[in-house]
Amino acid sequence: GYSDDLKAMSLRAADAFHRRYYVPSNAVGALVGDVKAAEVLPLLEKTFGQIPKGPAPSPPVFAEVPKRAVRRSTVIFDASPRLFIAFHKPPAPAKDDYVFDFLDVLLGEGRTGRLHRRLVLKDRLAQGVGTFGAPGSRLPNLFVVAVTPLQGASIEKLEAAIWDELERLKKEPVSDRELEKVRNRVAVSQARSLESNAGLASGLSLFQTIVGDWRYVLEQPKVVAGLTADDVKAAAVKYFKRENSVTVDLHK
């Protein structure tokens, strides 16, 4: 948290928070590897099983008012300029969340991403560009386009080029070749995240916590493999709207 929040927190409040949320009924565990359940389960019962279960805390309740206007902020700070354009999107397990996994690769992954080819290689307006989801994955969140402009580059031209690429997604279906390439890259990335025991345990426990079912690990690749050009176009039309955007311009 923020340091000011920690300074204002009392020992009693911190203890109450810990007792409310750090309980077995609010925890998920995953055990992965060359283990024998008959040996491990008694050990877990002897250790973790001795902790009182406690009442499960209420899930977070959060809702934002539908966006009807462009939101923009300009921040002056002593560092390299940055430009962020973010769009509100749903979390897993909504199908559109899978589409944004696809868009993350299509638009922002490495030198083959559409935005890199446009802003860095073609228009020479940026030294780097990427996309990511934030700030979490349990509640409705954001799909963010982050750009580091070249020195002296016009922010207005950068924004116009980004929006031009987003509008292109609404008008031109992704080609079969690009569709297959991106689907494969998404699938490979997901598979690699589960290669190690630690990665598999993390994935299983994460999805059990976020969507309430560890089987999401198995379903996610199937859904991504079935995404179509129409799915991508529909998501672009639905979410890449100015009234659904938040723009932050950071500069000296």
C-alpha atoms as a PDB file:
ATOM      1  CA  GLY A   1       0.000   0.000   0.000  1.00  0.00           C
ATOM      2  CA  TYR A   2       0.888   3.665   0.096  1.00  0.00           C
ATOM      3  CA  SER A   3       3.235   4.742   2.895  1.00  0.00           C
ATOM      4  CA  ASP A   4       0.696   7.291   4.170  1.00  0.00           C
ATOM      5  CA  ASP A   5      -1.887   4.502   4.560  1.00  0.00           C
ATOM      6  CA  LEU A   6       0.579   2.405   6.543  1.00  0.00           C
ATOM      7  CA  LYS A   7       1.487   5.334   8.785  1.00  0.00           C
ATOM      8  CA  ALA A   8      -2.192   5.952   9.519  1.00  0.00           C
ATOM      9  CA  MET A   9      -2.956   2.285  10.259  1.00  0.00           C
ATOM     10  CA  SER A  10      -3.174   1.202  13.871  1.00  0.00           C
ATOM     11  CA  LEU A  11      -1.905  -2.118  15.198  1.00  0.00           C
ATOM     12  CA  ARG A  12      -5.487  -3.057  16.043  1.00  0.00           C
ATOM     13  CA  ALA A  13      -6.687  -2.350  12.489  1.00  0.00           C
ATOM     14  CA  ALA A  14      -3.818  -4.342  10.976  1.00  0.00           C
ATOM     15  CA  ASP A  15      -4.515  -7.275  13.287  1.00  0.00           C
ATOM     16  CA  ALA A  16      -8.244  -7.192  12.471  1.00  0.00           C
ATOM     17  CA  PHE A  17      -7.464  -7.171   8.739  1.00  0.00           C
ATOM     18  CA  HIS A  18      -5.133 -10.138   9.126  1.00  0.00           C
ATOM     19  CA  ARG A  19      -7.636 -12.125  11.171  1.00  0.00           C
ATOM     20  CA  ARG A  20     -10.395 -11.433   8.641  1.00  0.00           C
ATOM     21  CA  TYR A  21      -8.612 -12.302   5.403  1.00  0.00           C
ATOM     22  CA  TYR A  22      -5.679 -14.571   6.277  1.00  0.00           C
ATOM     23  CA  VAL A  23      -7.778 -17.601   7.124  1.00  0.00           C
ATOM     24  CA  PRO A  24      -7.959 -21.088   5.533  1.00  0.00           C
ATOM     25  CA  SER A  25     -11.478 -20.421   4.230  1.00  0.00           C
ATOM     26  CA  ASN A  26      -9.996 -17.609   2.110  1.00  0.00           C
ATOM     27  CA  ALA A  27      -6.944 -19.533   0.897  1.00  0.00           C
ATOM     28  CA  VAL A  28      -6.148 -21.773  -2.058  1.00  0.00           C
ATOM     29  CA  GLY A  29      -3.200 -24.152  -2.129  1.00  0.00           C
ATOM     30  CA  ALA A  30      -1.712 -26.242  -4.923  1.00  0.00           C
ATOM     31  CA  LEU A  31       0.771 -29.071  -4.558  1.00  0.00           C
ATOM     32  CA  VAL A  32       2.577 -30.032  -7.763  1.00  0.00           C
ATOM     33  CA  GLY A  33       5.417 -32.439  -8.423  1.00  0.00           C
ATOM     34  CA  ASP A  34       6.613 -35.963  -7.720  1.00  0.00           C
ATOM     35  CA  VAL A  35       4.650 -36.420  -4.496  1.00  0.00           C
ATOM     36  CA  LYS A  36       2.508 -39.145  -3.009  1.00  0.00           C
ATOM     37  CA  ALA A  37      -0.847 -37.979  -1.718  1.00  0.00           C
ATOM     38  CA  ALA A  38      -0.916 -40.699   0.939  1.00  0.00           C
ATOM     39  CA  GLU A  39       2.260 -39.240   2.457  1.00  0.00           C
ATOM     40  CA  VAL A  40       1.570 -35.561   1.974  1.00  0.00           C
ATOM     41  CA  LEU A  41      -2.070 -35.263   3.061  1.00  0.00           C
ATOM     42  CA  PRO A  42      -1.443 -36.416   6.652  1.00  0.00           C
ATOM     43  CA  LEU A  43       1.401 -33.882   6.890  1.00  0.00           C
ATOM     44  CA  LEU A  44      -0.868 -31.095   5.645  1.00  0.00           C
ATOM     45  CA  GLU A  45      -3.553 -32.087   8.131  1.00  0.00           C
ATOM     46  CA  LYS A  46      -0.991 -32.065  10.939  1.00  0.00           C
ATOM     47  CA  THR A  47       0.297 -28.583  10.041  1.00  0.00           C
ATOM     48  CA  PHE A  48      -2.157 -26.428   8.111  1.00  0.00           C
ATOM     49  CA  GLY A  49      -5.084 -28.510   9.329  1.00  0.00           C
ATOM     50  CA  GLN A  50      -4.539 -27.257  12.861  1.00  0.00           C
ATOM     51  CA  ILE A  51      -5.299 -23.637  11.869  1.00  0.00           C
ATOM     52  CA  PRO A  52      -8.929 -22.682  12.661  1.00  0.00           C
ATOM     53  CA  LYS A  53     -10.931 -22.375   9.459  1.00  0.00           C
ATOM     54  CA  GLY A  54     -12.560 -19.074  10.352  1.00  0.00           C
ATOM     55  CA  PRO A  55     -15.489 -17.406   8.529  1.00  0.00           C
ATOM     56  CA  ALA A  56     -14.960 -16.681   4.844  1.00  0.00           C
ATOM     57  CA  PRO A  57     -14.762 -12.922   4.210  1.00  0.00           C
ATOM     58  CA  SER A  58     -17.267 -11.359   1.865  1.00  0.00           C
ATOM     59  CA  PRO A  59     -16.032 -11.087  -1.740  1.00  0.00           C
ATOM     60  CA  PRO A  60     -15.137  -7.623  -3.008  1.00  0.00           C
ATOM     61  CA  VAL A  61     -18.059  -5.646  -4.402  1.00  0.00           C
ATOM     62  CA  PHE A  62     -17.161  -3.083  -7.009  1.00  0.00           C
ATOM     63  CA  ALA A  63     -18.905  -1.410  -9.904  1.00  0.00           C
ATOM     64  CA  GLU A  64     -17.974   1.545 -12.059  1.00  0.00           C
ATOM     65  CA  VAL A  65     -20.401   3.949 -13.646  1.00  0.00           C
ATOM     66  CA  PRO A  66     -20.533   3.374 -17.435  1.00  0.00           C
ATOM     67  CA  LYS A  67     -18.125   5.708 -19.228  1.00  0.00           C
ATOM     68  CA  ARG A  68     -19.687   8.425 -21.356  1.00  0.00           C
ATOM     69  CA  ALA A  69     -16.742  10.758 -21.859  1.00  0.00           C
ATOM     70  CA  VAL A  70     -13.030  10.708 -22.624  1.00  0.00           C
ATOM     71  CA  ARG A  71     -10.881  10.854 -19.490  1.00  0.00           C
ATOM     72  CA  ARG A  72      -7.466  12.511 -19.752  1.00  0.00           C
ATOM     73  CA  SER A  73      -4.697  13.522 -17.374  1.00  0.00           C
ATOM     74  CA  THR A  74      -1.382  15.287 -17.886  1.00  0.00           C
ATOM     75  CA  VAL A  75       1.328  14.635 -15.306  1.00  0.00           C
ATOM     76  CA  ILE A  76       4.475  16.759 -15.090  1.00  0.00           C
ATOM     77  CA  PHE A  77       7.460  14.886 -13.665  1.00  0.00           C
ATOM     78  CA  ASP A  78      11.226  14.726 -14.034  1.00  0.00           C
ATOM     79  CA  ALA A  79      11.724  11.610 -16.139  1.00  0.00           C
ATOM     80  CA  SER A  80      11.427  10.354 -19.698  1.00  0.00           C
ATOM     81  CA  PRO A  81       8.052  11.136 -21.328  1.00  0.00           C
ATOM     82  CA  ARG A  82       5.484   8.361 -21.500  1.00  0.00           C
ATOM     83  CA  LEU A  83       2.036   8.048 -23.006  1.00  0.00           C
ATOM     84  CA  PHE A  84      -0.609   5.619 -21.759  1.00  0.00           C
ATOM     85  CA  ILE A  85      -3.989   4.944 -23.362  1.00  0.00           C
ATOM     86  CA  ALA A  86      -6.122   2.457 -21.436  1.00  0.00           C
ATOM     87  CA  PHE A  87      -9.477   0.841 -22.151  1.00  0.00           C
ATOM     88  CA  HIS A  88     -11.916  -0.676 -19.672  1.00  0.00           C
ATOM     89  CA  LYS A  89     -12.446  -4.417 -20.191  1.00  0.00           C
ATOM     90  CA  PRO A  90     -14.013  -7.379 -18.362  1.00  0.00           C
ATOM     91  CA  PRO A  91     -12.021  -9.935 -16.349  1.00  0.00           C
ATOM     92  CA  ALA A  92     -11.823 -13.704 -16.778  1.00  0.00           C
ATOM     93  CA  PRO A  93     -13.724 -15.867 -17.466  1.00  0.00           C
ATOM     94  CA  ALA A  94     -15.549 -13.528 -19.901  1.00  0.00           C
ATOM     95  CA  LYS A  95     -14.794 -14.499 -23.502  1.00  0.00           C
ATOM     96  CA  ASP A  96     -13.632 -10.965 -24.293  1.00  0.00           C
ATOM     97  CA  ASP A  97     -10.839 -11.425 -21.743  1.00  0.00           C
ATOM     98  CA  TYR A  98      -9.494 -14.193 -23.990  1.00  0.00           C
ATOM     99  CA  VAL A  99      -9.732 -11.835 -26.959  1.00  0.00           C
ATOM    100  CA  PHE A 100      -7.582  -9.318 -25.109  1.00  0.00           C
ATOM    101  CA  ASP A 101      -4.956 -12.031 -24.590  1.00  0.00           C
ATOM    102  CA  PHE A 102      -4.960 -12.218 -28.377  1.00  0.00           C
ATOM    103  CA  LEU A 103      -4.889  -8.415 -28.824  1.00  0.00           C
ATOM    104  CA  ASP A 104      -1.996  -8.147 -26.391  1.00  0.00           C
ATOM    105  CA  VAL A 105       0.150 -10.229 -28.750  1.00  0.00           C
ATOM    106  CA  LEU A 106      -1.265  -8.806 -31.981  1.00  0.00           C
ATOM    107  CA  LEU A 107      -0.694  -5.184 -31.003  1.00  0.00           C
ATOM    108  CA  GLY A 108       2.089  -5.141 -28.482  1.00  0.00           C
ATOM    109  CA  GLU A 109       4.348  -8.189 -28.449  1.00  0.00           C
ATOM    110  CA  GLY A 110       7.898  -7.456 -29.530  1.00  0.00           C
ATOM    111  CA  ARG A 111       9.077  -6.264 -32.911  1.00  0.00           C
ATOM    112  CA  THR A 112       6.282  -8.058 -34.763  1.00  0.00           C
ATOM    113  CA  GLY A 113       3.494  -6.267 -32.899  1.00  0.00           C
ATOM    114  CA  ARG A 114       1.396  -3.964 -35.036  1.00  0.00           C
ATOM    115  CA  LEU A 115       2.055  -0.944 -32.841  1.00  0.00           C
ATOM    116  CA  HIS A 116       5.839  -1.470 -32.912  1.00  0.00           C
ATOM    117  CA  ARG A 117       5.811  -1.757 -36.686  1.00  0.00           C
ATOM    118  CA  ARG A 118       3.710   1.404 -36.975  1.00  0.00           C
ATOM    119  CA  LEU A 119       5.099   3.726 -34.287  1.00  0.00           C
ATOM    120  CA  VAL A 120       8.744   2.623 -34.127  1.00  0.00           C
ATOM    121  CA  LEU A 121       9.602   1.354 -37.594  1.00  0.00           C
ATOM    122  CA  LYS A 122       7.248   3.200 -39.940  1.00  0.00           C
ATOM    123  CA  ASP A 123       6.372   6.561 -38.388  1.00  0.00           C
ATOM    124  CA  ARG A 124       9.517   6.796 -36.198  1.00  0.00           C
ATOM    125  CA  LEU A 125       7.613   8.463 -33.397  1.00  0.00           C
ATOM    126  CA  ALA A 126       8.473   6.089 -30.545  1.00  0.00           C
ATOM    127  CA  GLN A 127      11.474   4.248 -29.161  1.00  0.00           C
ATOM    128  CA  GLY A 128       9.291   1.612 -27.561  1.00  0.00           C
ATOM    129  CA  VAL A 129       5.688   0.484 -27.282  1.00  0.00           C
ATOM    130  CA  GLY A 130       3.892  -2.312 -25.482  1.00  0.00           C
ATOM    131  CA  THR A 131       0.549  -3.439 -24.119  1.00  0.00           C
ATOM    132  CA  PHE A 132      -0.484  -5.031 -20.837  1.00  0.00           C
ATOM    133  CA  GLY A 133      -3.437  -5.649 -18.543  1.00  0.00           C
ATOM    134  CA  ALA A 134      -3.764  -3.767 -15.244  1.00  0.00           C
ATOM    135  CA  PRO A 135      -4.157  -3.347 -12.335  1.00  0.00           C
ATOM    136  CA  GLY A 136      -5.383  -6.870 -11.485  1.00  0.00           C
ATOM    137  CA  SER A 137      -7.462  -9.742 -12.824  1.00  0.00           C
ATOM    138  CA  ARG A 138     -10.285 -10.400 -10.374  1.00  0.00           C
ATOM    139  CA  LEU A 139     -12.358  -7.278 -11.049  1.00  0.00           C
ATOM    140  CA  PRO A 140     -13.037  -5.391 -14.302  1.00  0.00           C
ATOM    141  CA  ASN A 141      -9.705  -3.962 -15.366  1.00  0.00           C
ATOM    142  CA  LEU A 142      -7.814  -2.170 -18.133  1.00  0.00           C
ATOM    143  CA  PHE A 143      -6.041  -2.972 -21.380  1.00  0.00           C
ATOM    144  CA  VAL A 144      -3.178  -0.486 -21.580  1.00  0.00           C
ATOM    145  CA  VAL A 145      -1.146   0.789 -24.528  1.00  0.00           C
ATOM    146  CA  ALA A 146       2.148   2.223 -23.200  1.00  0.00           C
ATOM    147  CA  VAL A 147       4.480   4.270 -25.400  1.00  0.00           C
ATOM    148  CA  THR A 148       7.892   5.841 -24.862  1.00  0.00           C
ATOM    149  CA  PRO A 149       8.111   8.661 -27.454  1.00  0.00           C
ATOM    150  CA  LEU A 150      11.264   9.594 -29.292  1.00  0.00           C
ATOM    151  CA  GLN A 151      12.730  12.889 -28.148  1.00  0.00           C
ATOM    152  CA  GLY A 152      10.817  15.722 -29.759  1.00  0.00           C
ATOM    153  CA  ALA A 153       8.065  13.464 -31.119  1.00  0.00           C
ATOM    154  CA  SER A 154       4.589  14.948 -31.273  1.00  0.00           C
ATOM    155  CA  ILE A 155       2.229  13.416 -28.688  1.00  0.00           C
ATOM    156  CA  GLU A 156      -0.687  14.384 -30.924  1.00  0.00           C
ATOM    157  CA  LYS A 157       0.797  12.419 -33.844  1.00  0.00           C
ATOM    158  CA  LEU A 158       1.487   9.459 -31.551  1.00  0.00           C
ATOM    159  CA  GLU A 159      -2.090   9.374 -30.342  1.00  0.00           C
ATOM    160  CA  ALA A 160      -3.412   9.723 -33.886  1.00  0.00           C
ATOM    161  CA  ALA A 161      -1.264   6.790 -35.073  1.00  0.00           C
ATOM    162  CA  ILE A 162      -2.399   4.574 -32.180  1.00  0.00           C
ATOM    163  CA  TRP A 163      -6.046   5.341 -32.817  1.00  0.00           C
ATOM    164  CA  ASP A 164      -5.503   4.729 -36.533  1.00  0.00           C
ATOM    165  CA  GLU A 165      -4.267   1.202 -35.761  1.00  0.00           C
ATOM    166  CA  LEU A 166      -7.185   0.571 -33.401  1.00  0.00           C
ATOM    167  CA  GLU A 167      -9.681   1.809 -35.986  1.00  0.00           C
ATOM    168  CA  ARG A 168      -8.055  -0.484 -38.523  1.00  0.00           C
ATOM    169  CA  LEU A 169      -8.990  -3.445 -36.325  1.00  0.00           C
ATOM    170  CA  LYS A 170     -12.622  -2.360 -36.521  1.00  0.00           C
ATOM    171  CA  LYS A 171     -12.632  -2.137 -40.304  1.00  0.00           C
ATOM    172  CA  GLU A 172     -10.217  -4.797 -41.570  1.00  0.00           C
ATOM    173  CA  PRO A 173     -10.551  -8.419 -40.433  1.00  0.00           C
ATOM    174  CA  VAL A 174      -7.334  -9.968 -39.188  1.00  0.00           C
ATOM    175  CA  SER A 175      -5.916 -12.167 -41.956  1.00  0.00           C
ATOM    176  CA  ASP A 176      -6.015 -15.938 -41.581  1.00  0.00           C
ATOM    177  CA  ARG A 177      -2.208 -16.029 -41.509  1.00  0.00           C
ATOM    178  CA  GLU A 178      -1.924 -13.406 -38.761  1.00  0.00           C
ATOM    179  CA  LEU A 179      -4.795 -14.993 -36.841  1.00  0.00           C
ATOM    180  CA  GLU A 180      -3.094 -18.386 -36.804  1.00  0.00           C
ATOM    181  CA  LYS A 181       0.310 -16.914 -35.935  1.00  0.00           C
ATOM    182  CA  VAL A 182      -1.007 -14.959 -32.959  1.00  0.00           C
ATOM    183  CA  ARG A 183      -3.172 -17.834 -31.702  1.00  0.00           C
ATOM    184  CA  ASN A 184      -0.105 -20.081 -31.763  1.00  0.00           C
ATOM    185  CA  ARG A 185       2.003 -17.518 -29.890  1.00  0.00           C
ATOM    186  CA  VAL A 186      -0.666 -17.088 -27.224  1.00  0.00           C
ATOM    187  CA  ALA A 187      -0.921 -20.870 -26.824  1.00  0.00           C
ATOM    188  CA  VAL A 188       2.867 -21.261 -26.600  1.00  0.00           C
ATOM    189  CA  SER A 189       3.127 -18.460 -24.031  1.00  0.00           C
ATOM    190  CA  GLN A 190       0.431 -20.073 -21.894  1.00  0.00           C
ATOM    191  CA  ALA A 191       2.055 -23.499 -22.174  1.00  0.00           C
ATOM    192  CA  ARG A 192       5.471 -22.130 -21.170  1.00  0.00           C
ATOM    193  CA  SER A 193       3.986 -20.488 -18.083  1.00  0.00           C
ATOM    194  CA  LEU A 194       2.940 -23.970 -16.921  1.00  0.00           C
ATOM    195  CA  GLU A 195       6.160 -25.844 -17.772  1.00  0.00           C
ATOM    196  CA  SER A 196       7.684 -25.736 -14.304  1.00  0.00           C
ATOM    197  CA  ASN A 197       6.163 -27.081 -11.114  1.00  0.00           C
ATOM    198  CA  ALA A 198       6.128 -23.546  -9.707  1.00  0.00           C
ATOM    199  CA  GLY A 199       4.393 -22.194 -12.814  1.00  0.00           C
ATOM    200  CA  LEU A 200       1.772 -24.937 -12.782  1.00  0.00           C
ATOM    201  CA  ALA A 201       1.084 -24.505  -9.067  1.00  0.00           C
ATOM    202  CA  SER A 202       0.806 -20.745  -9.556  1.00  0.00           C
ATOM    203  CA  GLY A 203      -1.568 -21.133 -12.512  1.00  0.00           C
ATOM    204  CA  LEU A 204      -3.814 -23.663 -10.785  1.00  0.00           C
ATOM    205  CA  SER A 205      -4.118 -21.656  -7.568  1.00  0.00           C
ATOM    206  CA  LEU A 206      -4.521 -18.349  -9.419  1.00  0.00           C
ATOM    207  CA  PHE A 207      -7.426 -19.527 -11.557  1.00  0.00           C
ATOM    208  CA  GLN A 208      -9.069 -21.318  -8.642  1.00  0.00           C
ATOM    209  CA  THR A 209      -8.924 -18.008  -6.769  1.00  0.00           C
ATOM    210  CA  ILE A 210      -9.878 -15.682  -9.619  1.00  0.00           C
ATOM    211  CA  VAL A 211     -12.561 -17.637 -11.483  1.00  0.00           C
ATOM    212  CA  GLY A 212     -13.362 -20.324  -8.921  1.00  0.00           C
ATOM    213  CA  ASP A 213     -12.188 -23.236 -11.070  1.00  0.00           C
ATOM    214  CA  TRP A 214      -8.633 -24.469 -11.683  1.00  0.00           C
ATOM    215  CA  ARG A 215      -9.869 -26.098 -14.905  1.00  0.00           C
ATOM    216  CA  TYR A 216      -9.590 -22.675 -16.546  1.00  0.00           C
ATOM    217  CA  VAL A 217      -5.969 -23.738 -17.161  1.00  0.00           C
ATOM    218  CA  LEU A 218      -7.312 -26.421 -19.509  1.00  0.00           C
ATOM    219  CA  GLU A 219     -10.092 -24.348 -21.086  1.00  0.00           C
ATOM    220  CA  GLN A 220      -8.082 -21.212 -21.828  1.00  0.00           C
ATOM    221  CA  PRO A 221      -5.994 -22.697 -24.689  1.00  0.00           C
ATOM    222  CA  LYS A 222      -9.115 -24.219 -26.262  1.00  0.00           C
ATOM    223  CA  VAL A 223     -10.976 -20.908 -26.280  1.00  0.00           C
ATOM    224  CA  VAL A 224      -7.980 -19.017 -27.684  1.00  0.00           C
ATOM    225  CA  ALA A 225      -7.550 -21.629 -30.420  1.00  0.00           C
ATOM    226  CA  GLY A 226     -11.175 -21.071 -31.435  1.00  0.00           C
ATOM    227  CA  LEU A 227     -11.034 -17.277 -31.658  1.00  0.00           C
ATOM    228  CA  THR A 228     -12.011 -15.865 -35.043  1.00  0.00           C
ATOM    229  CA  ALA A 229     -11.401 -12.658 -36.954  1.00  0.00           C
ATOM    230  CA  ASP A 230     -15.006 -11.714 -36.179  1.00  0.00           C
ATOM    231  CA  ASP A 231     -14.337 -12.091 -32.434  1.00  0.00           C
ATOM    232  CA  VAL A 232     -11.367  -9.718 -32.684  1.00  0.00           C
ATOM    233  CA  LYS A 233     -13.281  -7.188 -34.755  1.00  0.00           C
ATOM    234  CA  ALA A 234     -16.292  -7.273 -32.425  1.00  0.00           C
ATOM    235  CA  ALA A 235     -14.093  -6.636 -29.359  1.00  0.00           C
ATOM    236  CA  ALA A 236     -12.324  -3.761 -31.107  1.00  0.00           C
ATOM    237  CA  VAL A 237     -15.661  -2.153 -31.982  1.00  0.00           C
ATOM    238  CA  LYS A 238     -17.006  -2.644 -28.465  1.00  0.00           C
ATOM    239  CA  TYR A 239     -14.024  -1.510 -26.389  1.00  0.00           C
ATOM    240  CA  PHE A 240     -11.739   0.698 -28.499  1.00  0.00           C
ATOM    241  CA  LYS A 241     -13.973   3.741 -28.175  1.00  0.00           C
ATOM    242  CA  ARG A 242     -12.855   7.160 -27.005  1.00  0.00           C
ATOM    243  CA  GLU A 243     -15.560   7.313 -24.355  1.00  0.00           C
ATOM    244  CA  ASN A 244     -14.183   4.012 -22.974  1.00  0.00           C
ATOM    245  CA  SER A 245     -10.605   5.301 -22.829  1.00  0.00           C
ATOM    246  CA  VAL A 246      -8.354   6.862 -20.213  1.00  0.00           C
ATOM    247  CA  THR A 247      -5.304   8.753 -21.505  1.00  0.00           C
ATOM    248  CA  VAL A 248      -2.344   9.825 -19.374  1.00  0.00           C
ATOM    249  CA  ASP A 249       0.478  11.947 -20.799  1.00  0.00           C
ATOM    250  CA  LEU A 250       3.604  12.108 -18.633  1.00  0.00           C
ATOM    251  CA  HIS A 251       6.290  14.652 -19.494  1.00  0.00           C
ATOM    252  CA  LYS A 252       8.657  17.240 -18.047  1.00  0.00           C
END
